[in-house]
Amino acid sequence: MKLKITPSSLAIVIALLLTLVAIELFFFNEKQQFELQSKKNNLALEQCVSKIINNEINNIVVSLKNV
């Protein structure tokens, strides 16, 4: 039995492969977007904590100057 590849079957295989690549790229992009958003959230949290710590240090310095 000899397998014959017709142009239409080749086109179907290529279309399926391109669809698979497109789906992989979509999920890769979604993962990248999620990681970027996560990094932004972490940075915002770090900045907030840093601001609180700096305010506390400033309050301590001011109270020590008043003593």
Protein backbone atom coordinates (compact mmCIF):
# COMPACT_ATOMS: atom_id res chain seq x y z
CA MET A 1 0.00 0.00 0.00
CA LYS A 2 1.47 3.28 -1.14
CA LEU A 3 0.56 6.52 0.63
CA LYS A 4 -0.19 9.33 -1.76
CA ILE A 5 0.01 12.89 -0.51
CA THR A 6 -2.35 15.14 -2.38
CA PRO A 7 -2.06 18.93 -2.42
CA SER A 8 -5.28 19.23 -0.42
CA SER A 9 -4.05 16.88 2.31
CA LEU A 10 -0.75 18.76 2.44
CA ALA A 11 -2.66 22.03 2.79
CA ILE A 12 -4.70 20.57 5.66
CA VAL A 13 -1.55 19.42 7.47
CA ILE A 14 0.08 22.84 7.01
CA ALA A 15 -3.07 24.58 8.22
CA LEU A 16 -3.17 22.38 11.32
CA LEU A 17 0.50 23.07 12.05
CA LEU A 18 0.00 26.82 11.64
CA THR A 19 -3.02 26.67 13.94
CA LEU A 20 -0.96 24.84 16.55
CA VAL A 21 1.81 27.46 16.28
CA ALA A 22 -0.73 30.28 16.62
CA ILE A 23 -2.24 28.69 19.73
CA GLU A 24 1.23 28.22 21.28
CA LEU A 25 2.11 31.85 20.57
CA PHE A 26 -1.18 33.00 22.11
CA PHE A 27 -0.53 31.10 25.33
CA PHE A 28 3.09 32.27 25.42
CA ASN A 29 1.88 35.86 25.08
CA GLU A 30 -0.69 35.36 27.84
CA LYS A 31 2.01 33.96 30.13
CA GLN A 32 4.29 36.92 29.39
CA GLN A 33 1.46 39.38 30.11
CA PHE A 34 0.69 37.62 33.40
CA GLU A 35 4.35 37.71 34.46
CA LEU A 36 4.62 41.40 33.52
CA GLN A 37 1.51 42.26 35.54
CA SER A 38 2.84 40.26 38.47
CA LYS A 39 6.14 42.17 38.34
CA LYS A 40 4.26 45.49 38.23
CA ASN A 41 2.20 44.48 41.26
CA ASN A 42 5.32 43.43 43.17
CA LEU A 43 7.05 46.69 42.31
CA ALA A 44 4.06 48.72 43.50
CA LEU A 45 3.98 46.74 46.75
CA GLU A 46 7.73 47.22 47.26
CA GLN A 47 7.40 50.96 46.68
CA CYS A 48 4.53 51.18 49.16
CA VAL A 49 6.49 49.29 51.83
CA SER A 50 9.57 51.40 51.15
CA LYS A 51 7.53 54.59 51.55
CA ILE A 52 6.12 53.38 54.88
CA ILE A 53 9.59 52.45 56.16
CA ASN A 54 11.02 55.82 55.08
CA ASN A 55 8.18 57.67 56.83
CA GLU A 56 8.81 55.70 60.02
CA ILE A 57 12.54 56.45 59.86
CA ASN A 58 11.81 60.15 59.32
CA ASN A 59 9.42 60.16 62.29
CA ILE A 60 12.09 58.57 64.48
CA VAL A 61 14.72 61.10 63.33
CA VAL A 62 12.36 64.02 64.00
CA SER A 63 11.43 62.70 67.45
CA LEU A 64 15.12 62.19 68.31
CA LYS A 65 15.91 65.77 67.25
CA ASN A 66 13.19 67.05 69.56
CA VAL A 67 14.64 65.23 72.57
